[in-house]
Amino acid sequence: MSNLEDRVEAISKCPYLTDWEQGFCESICNSLKKWGNLTPKQHNLLQKIEGKYTPDKIREIEGWKDNFTAEMRHHMKIAANYYANHAGYYVGIARAALYEENYIPTRDEYKKMCENDYARGVIENALSEPRYPAGSFVMARANHPSRWKIKDKLLLVIEHSEDIKSHAKGAKVVAVLPVGESTIIWTEERYLKKPKEKKR
């Protein structure tokens, strides 16, 4: 077995390879068996993968997994829901976060999906204290997307949701029920205001 084959076999055993990296290693293993060598591009990619999984890097990966907290998982799921269902970015990571029970992203994946300015805004909206608590009354602001349906109506706040659709300030999702009606309307706190005293 050649030195290259030894290297490919060794890195293939790393349990932290991505699906793509695992597939690449299988591909170049076949190339080595057929041609006895790799192209410069294949060799460069192999070196990058080896550099990503040195003993020190593996210790970092294992330390990250051991210290992945329940709070971090909660933040991840909020951001994942936003990206998978509303924004359309990081969909692969987001779906894994939502549907794989024990999924833990890499440190880089977590940082990319959960620590950018958009994700921070979404997480803040989800976790912030409600501006209008359940049981309180509100009215629609002039800029409410469906104001024509609820203009000048008193609205009862029913509940809040972590299904956040925007990083914009005040975009906490809330369900309201127009007084005298039976159909709940989902909206965002930024489109609501306290009612005038005479409306209470």
C-alpha atoms as a PDB file:
ATOM      1  CA  MET A   1       0.000   0.000   0.000  1.00  0.00           C
ATOM      2  CA  SER A   2       1.395   3.435  -0.955  1.00  0.00           C
ATOM      3  CA  ASN A   3       1.823   6.363   1.434  1.00  0.00           C
ATOM      4  CA  LEU A   4      -1.132   8.110  -0.223  1.00  0.00           C
ATOM      5  CA  GLU A   5      -3.345   5.063   0.273  1.00  0.00           C
ATOM      6  CA  ASP A   6      -2.292   4.932   3.941  1.00  0.00           C
ATOM      7  CA  ARG A   7      -3.215   8.606   4.355  1.00  0.00           C
ATOM      8  CA  VAL A   8      -6.611   8.201   2.688  1.00  0.00           C
ATOM      9  CA  GLU A   9      -7.392   5.106   4.739  1.00  0.00           C
ATOM     10  CA  ALA A  10      -6.400   6.895   7.973  1.00  0.00           C
ATOM     11  CA  ILE A  11      -8.489  10.013   7.355  1.00  0.00           C
ATOM     12  CA  SER A  12     -11.450   7.926   6.172  1.00  0.00           C
ATOM     13  CA  LYS A  13     -11.694   6.461   9.671  1.00  0.00           C
ATOM     14  CA  CYS A  14     -12.267   9.886  11.236  1.00  0.00           C
ATOM     15  CA  PRO A  15     -15.822   9.840  12.680  1.00  0.00           C
ATOM     16  CA  TYR A  16     -16.311  13.575  12.143  1.00  0.00           C
ATOM     17  CA  LEU A  17     -16.063  13.683   8.353  1.00  0.00           C
ATOM     18  CA  THR A  18     -19.003  15.283   6.587  1.00  0.00           C
ATOM     19  CA  ASP A  19     -20.933  13.193   4.064  1.00  0.00           C
ATOM     20  CA  TRP A  20     -19.152  15.052   1.263  1.00  0.00           C
ATOM     21  CA  GLU A  21     -15.720  14.461   2.797  1.00  0.00           C
ATOM     22  CA  GLN A  22     -16.490  10.778   3.284  1.00  0.00           C
ATOM     23  CA  GLY A  23     -17.611  10.504  -0.326  1.00  0.00           C
ATOM     24  CA  PHE A  24     -14.498  12.333  -1.529  1.00  0.00           C
ATOM     25  CA  CYS A  25     -12.255   9.933   0.372  1.00  0.00           C
ATOM     26  CA  GLU A  26     -14.033   6.944  -1.180  1.00  0.00           C
ATOM     27  CA  SER A  27     -13.651   8.535  -4.607  1.00  0.00           C
ATOM     28  CA  ILE A  28      -9.910   9.167  -4.328  1.00  0.00           C
ATOM     29  CA  CYS A  29      -9.409   5.700  -2.855  1.00  0.00           C
ATOM     30  CA  ASN A  30     -10.863   4.310  -6.083  1.00  0.00           C
ATOM     31  CA  SER A  31      -8.691   6.685  -8.107  1.00  0.00           C
ATOM     32  CA  LEU A  32      -5.574   5.443  -6.349  1.00  0.00           C
ATOM     33  CA  LYS A  33      -6.493   1.823  -7.012  1.00  0.00           C
ATOM     34  CA  LYS A  34      -7.102   2.586 -10.674  1.00  0.00           C
ATOM     35  CA  TRP A  35      -4.402   5.150 -11.491  1.00  0.00           C
ATOM     36  CA  GLY A  36      -1.938   4.881  -8.613  1.00  0.00           C
ATOM     37  CA  ASN A  37      -1.933   8.644  -8.064  1.00  0.00           C
ATOM     38  CA  LEU A  38      -4.074  11.730  -7.492  1.00  0.00           C
ATOM     39  CA  THR A  39      -4.514  14.903  -9.481  1.00  0.00           C
ATOM     40  CA  PRO A  40      -3.051  18.085  -7.951  1.00  0.00           C
ATOM     41  CA  LYS A  41      -6.580  19.247  -7.093  1.00  0.00           C
ATOM     42  CA  GLN A  42      -7.432  15.952  -5.383  1.00  0.00           C
ATOM     43  CA  HIS A  43      -4.174  16.061  -3.442  1.00  0.00           C
ATOM     44  CA  ASN A  44      -4.838  19.632  -2.281  1.00  0.00           C
ATOM     45  CA  LEU A  45      -8.325  18.684  -1.099  1.00  0.00           C
ATOM     46  CA  LEU A  46      -6.935  15.686   0.768  1.00  0.00           C
ATOM     47  CA  GLN A  47      -4.444  17.941   2.549  1.00  0.00           C
ATOM     48  CA  LYS A  48      -7.231  20.357   3.527  1.00  0.00           C
ATOM     49  CA  ILE A  49      -9.284  17.531   5.015  1.00  0.00           C
ATOM     50  CA  GLU A  50      -6.259  16.188   6.895  1.00  0.00           C
ATOM     51  CA  GLY A  51      -5.603  19.682   8.249  1.00  0.00           C
ATOM     52  CA  LYS A  52      -9.203  19.964   9.399  1.00  0.00           C
ATOM     53  CA  TYR A  53      -8.961  16.767  11.493  1.00  0.00           C
ATOM     54  CA  THR A  54      -5.590  16.889  13.207  1.00  0.00           C
ATOM     55  CA  PRO A  55      -5.476  15.462  16.764  1.00  0.00           C
ATOM     56  CA  ASP A  56      -5.733  18.993  18.182  1.00  0.00           C
ATOM     57  CA  LYS A  57      -8.715  19.842  15.955  1.00  0.00           C
ATOM     58  CA  ILE A  58     -10.462  16.601  16.930  1.00  0.00           C
ATOM     59  CA  ARG A  59      -9.996  17.473  20.611  1.00  0.00           C
ATOM     60  CA  GLU A  60     -11.625  20.845  19.875  1.00  0.00           C
ATOM     61  CA  ILE A  61     -14.543  19.124  18.121  1.00  0.00           C
ATOM     62  CA  GLU A  62     -15.055  16.727  21.019  1.00  0.00           C
ATOM     63  CA  GLY A  63     -14.837  19.566  23.542  1.00  0.00           C
ATOM     64  CA  TRP A  64     -17.461  21.539  21.609  1.00  0.00           C
ATOM     65  CA  LYS A  65     -19.828  18.566  21.570  1.00  0.00           C
ATOM     66  CA  ASP A  66     -19.334  17.936  25.292  1.00  0.00           C
ATOM     67  CA  ASN A  67     -20.160  21.564  26.083  1.00  0.00           C
ATOM     68  CA  PHE A  68     -23.155  22.010  23.782  1.00  0.00           C
ATOM     69  CA  THR A  69     -25.784  23.231  26.250  1.00  0.00           C
ATOM     70  CA  ALA A  70     -29.579  23.043  26.299  1.00  0.00           C
ATOM     71  CA  GLU A  71     -29.660  26.827  25.866  1.00  0.00           C
ATOM     72  CA  MET A  72     -27.488  26.602  22.734  1.00  0.00           C
ATOM     73  CA  ARG A  73     -29.779  23.883  21.357  1.00  0.00           C
ATOM     74  CA  HIS A  74     -32.801  26.112  21.995  1.00  0.00           C
ATOM     75  CA  HIS A  75     -31.164  29.018  20.152  1.00  0.00           C
ATOM     76  CA  MET A  76     -30.177  26.662  17.327  1.00  0.00           C
ATOM     77  CA  LYS A  77     -33.756  25.446  16.867  1.00  0.00           C
ATOM     78  CA  ILE A  78     -35.139  28.996  16.768  1.00  0.00           C
ATOM     79  CA  ALA A  79     -32.594  30.004  14.121  1.00  0.00           C
ATOM     80  CA  ALA A  80     -33.066  26.715  12.245  1.00  0.00           C
ATOM     81  CA  ASN A  81     -36.831  27.228  12.058  1.00  0.00           C
ATOM     82  CA  TYR A  82     -36.279  30.719  10.665  1.00  0.00           C
ATOM     83  CA  TYR A  83     -33.825  29.574   7.994  1.00  0.00           C
ATOM     84  CA  ALA A  84     -35.631  26.373   7.002  1.00  0.00           C
ATOM     85  CA  ASN A  85     -39.140  27.845   6.831  1.00  0.00           C
ATOM     86  CA  HIS A  86     -38.734  31.542   6.070  1.00  0.00           C
ATOM     87  CA  ALA A  87     -35.276  32.629   4.896  1.00  0.00           C
ATOM     88  CA  GLY A  88     -34.107  29.713   2.727  1.00  0.00           C
ATOM     89  CA  TYR A  89     -30.449  29.739   3.806  1.00  0.00           C
ATOM     90  CA  TYR A  90     -28.446  27.027   5.634  1.00  0.00           C
ATOM     91  CA  VAL A  91     -31.328  24.665   4.866  1.00  0.00           C
ATOM     92  CA  GLY A  92     -29.331  21.435   5.235  1.00  0.00           C
ATOM     93  CA  ILE A  93     -27.999  22.365   8.680  1.00  0.00           C
ATOM     94  CA  ALA A  94     -31.369  23.805   9.684  1.00  0.00           C
ATOM     95  CA  ARG A  95     -33.321  20.667   8.804  1.00  0.00           C
ATOM     96  CA  ALA A  96     -30.845  18.473  10.641  1.00  0.00           C
ATOM     97  CA  ALA A  97     -31.170  20.744  13.688  1.00  0.00           C
ATOM     98  CA  LEU A  98     -34.966  20.534  13.555  1.00  0.00           C
ATOM     99  CA  TYR A  99     -35.495  16.856  12.780  1.00  0.00           C
ATOM    100  CA  GLU A 100     -32.481  14.951  14.162  1.00  0.00           C
ATOM    101  CA  GLU A 101     -33.049  14.581  17.898  1.00  0.00           C
ATOM    102  CA  ASN A 102     -29.418  14.552  19.033  1.00  0.00           C
ATOM    103  CA  TYR A 103     -27.923  16.646  16.237  1.00  0.00           C
ATOM    104  CA  ILE A 104     -25.011  18.884  17.203  1.00  0.00           C
ATOM    105  CA  PRO A 105     -23.586  21.179  14.504  1.00  0.00           C
ATOM    106  CA  THR A 106     -19.896  21.906  14.252  1.00  0.00           C
ATOM    107  CA  ARG A 107     -18.669  25.074  15.934  1.00  0.00           C
ATOM    108  CA  ASP A 108     -18.361  26.752  12.518  1.00  0.00           C
ATOM    109  CA  GLU A 109     -21.887  25.674  11.494  1.00  0.00           C
ATOM    110  CA  TYR A 110     -23.357  26.971  14.757  1.00  0.00           C
ATOM    111  CA  LYS A 111     -21.538  30.275  14.407  1.00  0.00           C
ATOM    112  CA  LYS A 112     -22.614  30.624  10.782  1.00  0.00           C
ATOM    113  CA  MET A 113     -26.300  29.891  11.430  1.00  0.00           C
ATOM    114  CA  CYS A 114     -26.874  31.236  14.938  1.00  0.00           C
ATOM    115  CA  GLU A 115     -24.432  34.086  15.532  1.00  0.00           C
ATOM    116  CA  ASN A 116     -24.913  36.338  12.502  1.00  0.00           C
ATOM    117  CA  ASP A 117     -26.836  39.606  12.915  1.00  0.00           C
ATOM    118  CA  TYR A 118     -30.034  38.222  11.359  1.00  0.00           C
ATOM    119  CA  ALA A 119     -30.097  35.134  13.570  1.00  0.00           C
ATOM    120  CA  ARG A 120     -29.353  37.189  16.683  1.00  0.00           C
ATOM    121  CA  GLY A 121     -32.350  39.397  15.894  1.00  0.00           C
ATOM    122  CA  VAL A 122     -34.589  36.374  15.340  1.00  0.00           C
ATOM    123  CA  ILE A 123     -33.465  34.717  18.594  1.00  0.00           C
ATOM    124  CA  GLU A 124     -33.923  37.968  20.509  1.00  0.00           C
ATOM    125  CA  ASN A 125     -37.469  38.330  19.138  1.00  0.00           C
ATOM    126  CA  ALA A 126     -38.306  34.764  20.154  1.00  0.00           C
ATOM    127  CA  LEU A 127     -36.933  34.993  23.688  1.00  0.00           C
ATOM    128  CA  SER A 128     -37.763  38.592  24.627  1.00  0.00           C
ATOM    129  CA  GLU A 129     -40.488  39.351  27.143  1.00  0.00           C
ATOM    130  CA  PRO A 130     -43.781  40.078  25.364  1.00  0.00           C
ATOM    131  CA  ARG A 131     -44.509  43.759  24.909  1.00  0.00           C
ATOM    132  CA  TYR A 132     -48.190  42.843  25.120  1.00  0.00           C
ATOM    133  CA  PRO A 133     -48.770  39.874  27.478  1.00  0.00           C
ATOM    134  CA  ALA A 134     -51.458  37.274  26.893  1.00  0.00           C
ATOM    135  CA  GLY A 135     -54.783  38.587  28.179  1.00  0.00           C
ATOM    136  CA  SER A 136     -54.060  42.236  27.378  1.00  0.00           C
ATOM    137  CA  PHE A 137     -55.839  44.331  24.783  1.00  0.00           C
ATOM    138  CA  VAL A 138     -54.243  46.017  21.756  1.00  0.00           C
ATOM    139  CA  MET A 139     -55.134  47.673  18.466  1.00  0.00           C
ATOM    140  CA  ALA A 140     -53.598  47.556  15.012  1.00  0.00           C
ATOM    141  CA  ARG A 141     -51.163  50.269  13.979  1.00  0.00           C
ATOM    142  CA  ALA A 142     -51.668  52.123  10.724  1.00  0.00           C
ATOM    143  CA  ASN A 143     -48.922  50.019   9.083  1.00  0.00           C
ATOM    144  CA  HIS A 144     -50.506  46.653   9.964  1.00  0.00           C
ATOM    145  CA  PRO A 145     -50.471  44.410   6.833  1.00  0.00           C
ATOM    146  CA  SER A 146     -54.117  43.408   7.403  1.00  0.00           C
ATOM    147  CA  ARG A 147     -55.304  46.614   9.029  1.00  0.00           C
ATOM    148  CA  TRP A 148     -58.290  46.860   6.693  1.00  0.00           C
ATOM    149  CA  LYS A 149     -59.709  43.738   8.384  1.00  0.00           C
ATOM    150  CA  ILE A 150     -59.244  44.943  11.949  1.00  0.00           C
ATOM    151  CA  LYS A 151     -59.217  48.750  11.711  1.00  0.00           C
ATOM    152  CA  ASP A 152     -60.342  50.368  14.981  1.00  0.00           C
ATOM    153  CA  LYS A 153     -61.124  46.948  16.517  1.00  0.00           C
ATOM    154  CA  LEU A 154     -60.090  45.966  20.007  1.00  0.00           C
ATOM    155  CA  LEU A 155     -57.865  42.873  19.911  1.00  0.00           C
ATOM    156  CA  LEU A 156     -57.279  40.392  22.722  1.00  0.00           C
ATOM    157  CA  VAL A 157     -53.744  38.953  22.914  1.00  0.00           C
ATOM    158  CA  ILE A 158     -54.037  35.152  23.055  1.00  0.00           C
ATOM    159  CA  GLU A 159     -50.493  33.744  22.869  1.00  0.00           C
ATOM    160  CA  HIS A 160     -46.985  34.215  21.490  1.00  0.00           C
ATOM    161  CA  SER A 161     -44.902  31.971  19.223  1.00  0.00           C
ATOM    162  CA  GLU A 162     -41.209  31.297  18.593  1.00  0.00           C
ATOM    163  CA  ASP A 163     -41.938  30.831  14.879  1.00  0.00           C
ATOM    164  CA  ILE A 164     -40.174  34.103  14.082  1.00  0.00           C
ATOM    165  CA  LYS A 165     -40.239  35.282  10.477  1.00  0.00           C
ATOM    166  CA  SER A 166     -38.054  38.399  10.719  1.00  0.00           C
ATOM    167  CA  HIS A 167     -35.025  39.750  12.547  1.00  0.00           C
ATOM    168  CA  ALA A 168     -36.625  43.219  12.602  1.00  0.00           C
ATOM    169  CA  LYS A 169     -37.047  44.853  15.996  1.00  0.00           C
ATOM    170  CA  GLY A 170     -40.449  44.021  17.454  1.00  0.00           C
ATOM    171  CA  ALA A 171     -41.139  41.080  15.145  1.00  0.00           C
ATOM    172  CA  LYS A 172     -42.198  38.809  18.013  1.00  0.00           C
ATOM    173  CA  VAL A 173     -45.073  36.705  16.699  1.00  0.00           C
ATOM    174  CA  VAL A 174     -48.377  37.012  18.522  1.00  0.00           C
ATOM    175  CA  ALA A 175     -51.919  35.677  18.105  1.00  0.00           C
ATOM    176  CA  VAL A 176     -54.762  38.168  18.619  1.00  0.00           C
ATOM    177  CA  LEU A 177     -58.525  37.738  18.621  1.00  0.00           C
ATOM    178  CA  PRO A 178     -60.720  40.640  17.504  1.00  0.00           C
ATOM    179  CA  VAL A 179     -63.336  41.228  20.201  1.00  0.00           C
ATOM    180  CA  GLY A 180     -66.676  39.771  19.138  1.00  0.00           C
ATOM    181  CA  GLU A 181     -65.124  37.410  16.569  1.00  0.00           C
ATOM    182  CA  SER A 182     -63.988  33.784  16.671  1.00  0.00           C
ATOM    183  CA  THR A 183     -61.013  33.729  14.262  1.00  0.00           C
ATOM    184  CA  ILE A 184     -57.512  34.279  15.611  1.00  0.00           C
ATOM    185  CA  ILE A 185     -55.099  36.441  13.594  1.00  0.00           C
ATOM    186  CA  TRP A 186     -51.348  35.841  13.747  1.00  0.00           C
ATOM    187  CA  THR A 187     -49.330  39.036  13.538  1.00  0.00           C
ATOM    188  CA  GLU A 188     -46.218  40.699  15.027  1.00  0.00           C
ATOM    189  CA  GLU A 189     -45.921  43.029  18.002  1.00  0.00           C
ATOM    190  CA  ARG A 190     -44.429  45.830  15.892  1.00  0.00           C
ATOM    191  CA  TYR A 191     -47.794  46.185  14.140  1.00  0.00           C
ATOM    192  CA  LEU A 192     -49.728  46.637  17.393  1.00  0.00           C
ATOM    193  CA  LYS A 193     -50.237  49.405  19.932  1.00  0.00           C
ATOM    194  CA  LYS A 194     -51.992  49.949  23.225  1.00  0.00           C
ATOM    195  CA  PRO A 195     -55.639  50.928  22.786  1.00  0.00           C
ATOM    196  CA  LYS A 196     -56.985  54.333  23.664  1.00  0.00           C
ATOM    197  CA  GLU A 197     -58.658  54.442  27.035  1.00  0.00           C
ATOM    198  CA  LYS A 198     -62.138  54.742  25.542  1.00  0.00           C
ATOM    199  CA  LYS A 199     -61.575  51.454  23.652  1.00  0.00           C
ATOM    200  CA  ARG A 200     -60.807  49.464  26.808  1.00  0.00           C
END
